[in-house]
Amino acid sequence: MDMKDIIKSQREKLKLTYEEIGNYVGVGKSTVKKWESGYIANMRRDKIQKLAEVLRVTPDYLMGWESNVTPISLPKNVVHIPVLGSIPAGTAVEAVQDIIEWVDIPEEWTHGGYQYFGLTVKGDSMYPEYLEEDVVILRKQGCCESGDDCAVMVNDQDATLKKVRICEDGLELEAINPMYGKKKFTVKEVKQLPVNILGVVVELRRKKK
C-alpha cells in the first residue's frame, strides 16, 4: 500500500480523528487530510516518526519500505501541550496562536490542576545552560521560588527566559550568560511596569543537530 492508504487504513482502524492525529504529530488537521489524500507526499523525518507512533506502525512500514505491518504500542498516560515561538505583549499563555509544535508530557504532571506549555528559547542570554531553539517545558504559575528559571514578561514585552531571584525589596532577573548581567526591580516597579512570572521551567528538551 502507498503511504496515503496506510494512513487512512490505520486511522479508521484505530478510530482516530484528523485532529487527534494532528495534535500528536504537531500539525493541523488539514495537513493530515492532505497526507491521507496524497496531496502532500513528502514530510520531515520527525513528522514521519510521530505519525508512525500515533498510527501504531513502524516508520519503515508507513513509508512502504516493508510489506508486513508491525504494530507498536502508543505511549499511554501522556498529555499533549503546545510549544510556543513567543508570547506577545498582553496575551495570556492559553490564547497564544504562535504554536510551533506539540510535545508530550506525563499525564501525572497535571494532577492537582497544573497546566504546562513549551517555549522556544531565543537568543543567548541563558547560554550555556540553554541554547537557542531549545524547548523548555514550563509549569504555568504566577509565582516562583528564588533561583527558579522562569518565563517572565516585563513591561508588556515578549516573554523572556531568566533566573529569578526574590529579594526583600523586589526581585532580580539574572541572565546566565555574564555578557548580559542582571536587572533588579523594586516592589513598586514589579507592580507598575508590571513584571509578571508566566511559568517555571521544569524540563529542558534539546534536539540533536
Protein backbone atom coordinates (compact mmCIF):
# COMPACT_ATOMS: atom_id res chain seq x y z
CA MET A 1 0.00 0.00 0.00
CA ASP A 2 1.00 3.59 -0.54
CA MET A 3 1.59 5.84 2.47
CA LYS A 4 -1.74 7.60 1.96
CA ASP A 5 -3.59 4.29 2.02
CA ILE A 6 -1.76 3.20 5.17
CA ILE A 7 -2.66 6.46 6.90
CA LYS A 8 -6.34 6.04 6.03
CA SER A 9 -6.42 2.34 6.93
CA GLN A 10 -4.75 2.80 10.33
CA ARG A 11 -6.73 5.95 11.16
CA GLU A 12 -10.01 4.16 10.56
CA LYS A 13 -8.84 1.00 12.33
CA LEU A 14 -7.81 2.95 15.44
CA LYS A 15 -10.86 5.26 15.18
CA LEU A 16 -8.69 8.38 15.28
CA THR A 17 -9.82 11.80 14.08
CA TYR A 18 -7.72 14.06 11.88
CA GLU A 19 -7.45 16.47 14.79
CA GLU A 20 -6.22 13.80 17.21
CA ILE A 21 -3.52 12.72 14.77
CA GLY A 22 -2.56 16.32 14.05
CA ASN A 23 -2.25 17.19 17.74
CA TYR A 24 0.04 14.22 18.35
CA VAL A 25 2.24 14.87 15.33
CA GLY A 26 2.25 18.65 15.74
CA VAL A 27 0.40 19.74 12.59
CA GLY A 28 -3.07 20.97 11.71
CA LYS A 29 -5.84 18.55 10.80
CA SER A 30 -5.86 19.93 7.25
CA THR A 31 -2.28 18.72 6.83
CA VAL A 32 -3.27 15.22 7.97
CA LYS A 33 -6.08 15.25 5.41
CA LYS A 34 -3.59 16.21 2.69
CA TRP A 35 -1.26 13.39 3.74
CA GLU A 36 -4.14 10.93 3.58
CA SER A 37 -5.32 12.18 0.20
CA GLY A 38 -1.81 12.04 -1.21
CA TYR A 39 -1.81 15.79 -1.89
CA ILE A 40 1.33 16.12 0.25
CA ALA A 41 3.63 13.14 -0.26
CA ASN A 42 6.77 14.42 1.45
CA MET A 43 7.21 15.13 5.13
CA ARG A 44 10.02 15.78 7.62
CA ARG A 45 11.69 12.81 9.28
CA ASP A 46 10.49 13.82 12.75
CA LYS A 47 6.91 14.01 11.47
CA ILE A 48 7.21 10.54 9.93
CA GLN A 49 8.31 9.18 13.30
CA LYS A 50 5.44 10.83 15.20
CA LEU A 51 2.88 9.84 12.56
CA ALA A 52 4.05 6.22 12.72
CA GLU A 53 3.75 6.28 16.51
CA VAL A 54 0.19 7.55 16.57
CA LEU A 55 -0.82 5.08 13.82
CA ARG A 56 0.96 2.27 15.70
CA VAL A 57 3.15 1.14 12.83
CA THR A 58 6.87 1.37 12.15
CA PRO A 59 8.25 4.27 10.10
CA ASP A 60 9.51 1.77 7.51
CA TYR A 61 6.04 0.31 7.04
CA LEU A 62 4.49 3.77 6.84
CA MET A 63 6.91 4.73 4.07
CA GLY A 64 6.27 1.47 2.20
CA TRP A 65 9.74 0.05 2.83
CA GLU A 66 8.48 -3.13 4.49
CA SER A 67 5.49 -5.20 3.48
CA ASN A 68 4.24 -6.53 6.83
CA VAL A 69 2.64 -4.21 9.34
CA THR A 70 4.35 -4.28 12.74
CA PRO A 71 2.06 -2.82 15.40
CA ILE A 72 3.77 -0.74 18.06
CA SER A 73 2.46 0.44 21.40
CA LEU A 74 1.37 4.04 21.63
CA PRO A 75 2.69 5.65 24.81
CA LYS A 76 -0.09 5.88 27.39
CA ASN A 77 -0.82 8.41 30.08
CA VAL A 78 0.61 11.40 28.24
CA VAL A 79 -0.78 14.88 27.63
CA HIS A 80 -0.12 16.99 24.54
CA ILE A 81 0.97 20.57 25.22
CA PRO A 82 1.80 23.37 22.77
CA VAL A 83 5.31 24.70 22.19
CA LEU A 84 5.16 28.44 21.55
CA GLY A 85 7.50 30.51 19.44
CA SER A 86 6.85 33.59 21.56
CA ILE A 87 4.33 35.13 23.93
CA PRO A 88 3.31 38.56 22.59
CA ALA A 89 2.56 41.56 24.78
CA GLY A 90 -0.71 41.44 26.68
CA THR A 91 -1.59 37.92 25.54
CA ALA A 92 -2.41 35.17 28.01
CA VAL A 93 -0.45 31.96 27.52
CA GLU A 94 -3.58 29.95 26.66
CA ALA A 95 -4.54 32.47 23.96
CA VAL A 96 -1.23 32.41 22.07
CA GLN A 97 -1.64 31.23 18.47
CA ASP A 98 2.07 31.01 17.63
CA ILE A 99 2.22 27.24 18.13
CA ILE A 100 5.33 25.65 16.61
CA GLU A 101 4.65 22.06 17.59
CA TRP A 102 3.06 19.83 20.20
CA VAL A 103 5.00 17.70 22.66
CA ASP A 104 4.08 15.08 25.24
CA ILE A 105 4.42 15.29 29.00
CA PRO A 106 3.48 12.67 31.61
CA GLU A 107 -0.19 12.88 32.46
CA GLU A 108 0.68 12.63 36.15
CA TRP A 109 2.25 16.10 35.97
CA THR A 110 -1.23 17.58 35.54
CA HIS A 111 -2.57 16.09 38.76
CA GLY A 112 -3.75 18.84 41.05
CA GLY A 113 -4.85 21.01 38.13
CA TYR A 114 -1.36 22.06 36.99
CA GLN A 115 -1.06 23.34 33.42
CA TYR A 116 2.03 23.33 31.20
CA PHE A 117 3.31 24.88 27.99
CA GLY A 118 6.53 24.81 25.99
CA LEU A 119 8.55 27.82 24.92
CA THR A 120 11.30 28.03 22.33
CA VAL A 121 14.50 29.65 23.61
CA LYS A 122 15.56 32.75 21.67
CA GLY A 123 18.96 34.42 21.90
CA ASP A 124 21.96 33.51 24.04
CA SER A 125 21.30 35.30 27.34
CA MET A 126 20.93 31.92 29.11
CA TYR A 127 23.93 30.28 27.44
CA PRO A 128 25.48 27.77 28.10
CA GLU A 129 22.68 26.13 30.10
CA TYR A 130 20.11 26.90 27.41
CA LEU A 131 20.83 27.10 23.70
CA GLU A 132 18.85 28.93 21.04
CA GLU A 133 15.99 26.78 19.72
CA ASP A 134 15.97 24.61 22.84
CA VAL A 135 12.46 23.87 24.09
CA VAL A 136 11.73 24.45 27.77
CA ILE A 137 8.68 22.91 29.42
CA LEU A 138 7.12 25.29 31.95
CA ARG A 139 4.51 24.84 34.63
CA LYS A 140 2.10 27.75 34.33
CA GLN A 141 2.14 29.80 37.54
CA GLY A 142 2.43 33.41 38.64
CA CYS A 143 4.99 32.92 41.41
CA CYS A 144 8.22 31.01 41.93
CA GLU A 145 10.97 30.08 44.36
CA SER A 146 14.09 32.24 44.42
CA GLY A 147 16.56 30.81 41.90
CA ASP A 148 13.96 29.29 39.60
CA ASP A 149 14.32 29.69 35.84
CA CYS A 150 11.13 31.31 34.60
CA ALA A 151 9.36 32.80 31.62
CA VAL A 152 8.88 36.43 32.63
CA MET A 153 7.11 39.31 30.92
CA VAL A 154 8.42 42.79 31.70
CA ASN A 155 6.56 45.99 30.79
CA ASP A 156 4.24 44.07 28.43
CA GLN A 157 7.09 42.93 26.19
CA ASP A 158 7.55 39.41 24.82
CA ALA A 159 8.27 36.77 27.43
CA THR A 160 11.93 36.30 28.31
CA LEU A 161 13.64 33.35 29.99
CA LYS A 162 15.60 34.39 33.09
CA LYS A 163 16.66 33.16 36.52
CA VAL A 164 14.50 34.91 39.12
CA ARG A 165 15.97 36.00 42.46
CA ILE A 166 13.47 37.04 45.13
CA CYS A 167 14.70 39.95 47.27
CA GLU A 168 13.15 41.70 50.28
CA ASP A 169 12.79 44.89 48.27
CA GLY A 170 11.75 43.36 44.94
CA LEU A 171 13.12 40.79 42.53
CA GLU A 172 16.07 40.36 40.21
CA LEU A 173 16.19 38.83 36.76
CA GLU A 174 19.54 37.24 36.04
CA ALA A 175 20.95 36.07 32.72
CA ILE A 176 23.26 33.06 32.97
CA ASN A 177 25.46 34.49 30.23
CA PRO A 178 27.71 37.04 32.03
CA MET A 179 27.60 39.26 28.94
CA TYR A 180 24.03 40.23 29.88
CA GLY A 181 24.20 40.66 33.66
CA LYS A 182 21.25 41.29 35.97
CA LYS A 183 18.28 43.60 36.18
CA LYS A 184 16.67 44.45 39.52
CA PHE A 185 13.11 45.69 40.02
CA THR A 186 11.68 47.22 43.20
CA VAL A 187 8.36 46.06 44.61
CA LYS A 188 6.79 49.21 43.16
CA GLU A 189 8.25 48.56 39.70
CA VAL A 190 7.07 44.94 39.77
CA LYS A 191 3.50 46.20 40.23
CA GLN A 192 3.61 49.25 37.96
CA LEU A 193 5.55 48.01 34.91
CA PRO A 194 4.44 45.22 35.59
CA VAL A 195 6.81 42.26 35.93
CA ASN A 196 4.82 39.03 35.59
CA ILE A 197 6.01 35.47 36.01
CA LEU A 198 4.27 33.27 33.45
CA GLY A 199 5.73 29.88 34.31
CA VAL A 200 8.58 27.95 35.90
CA VAL A 201 10.91 25.71 33.89
CA VAL A 202 10.52 22.04 34.83
CA GLU A 203 12.32 20.40 31.92
CA LEU A 204 14.69 21.19 29.05
CA ARG A 205 14.39 19.41 25.70
CA ARG A 206 17.16 19.68 23.15
CA LYS A 207 17.02 18.25 19.66
CA LYS A 208 20.05 16.59 18.16
CA LYS A 209 21.55 18.61 15.36
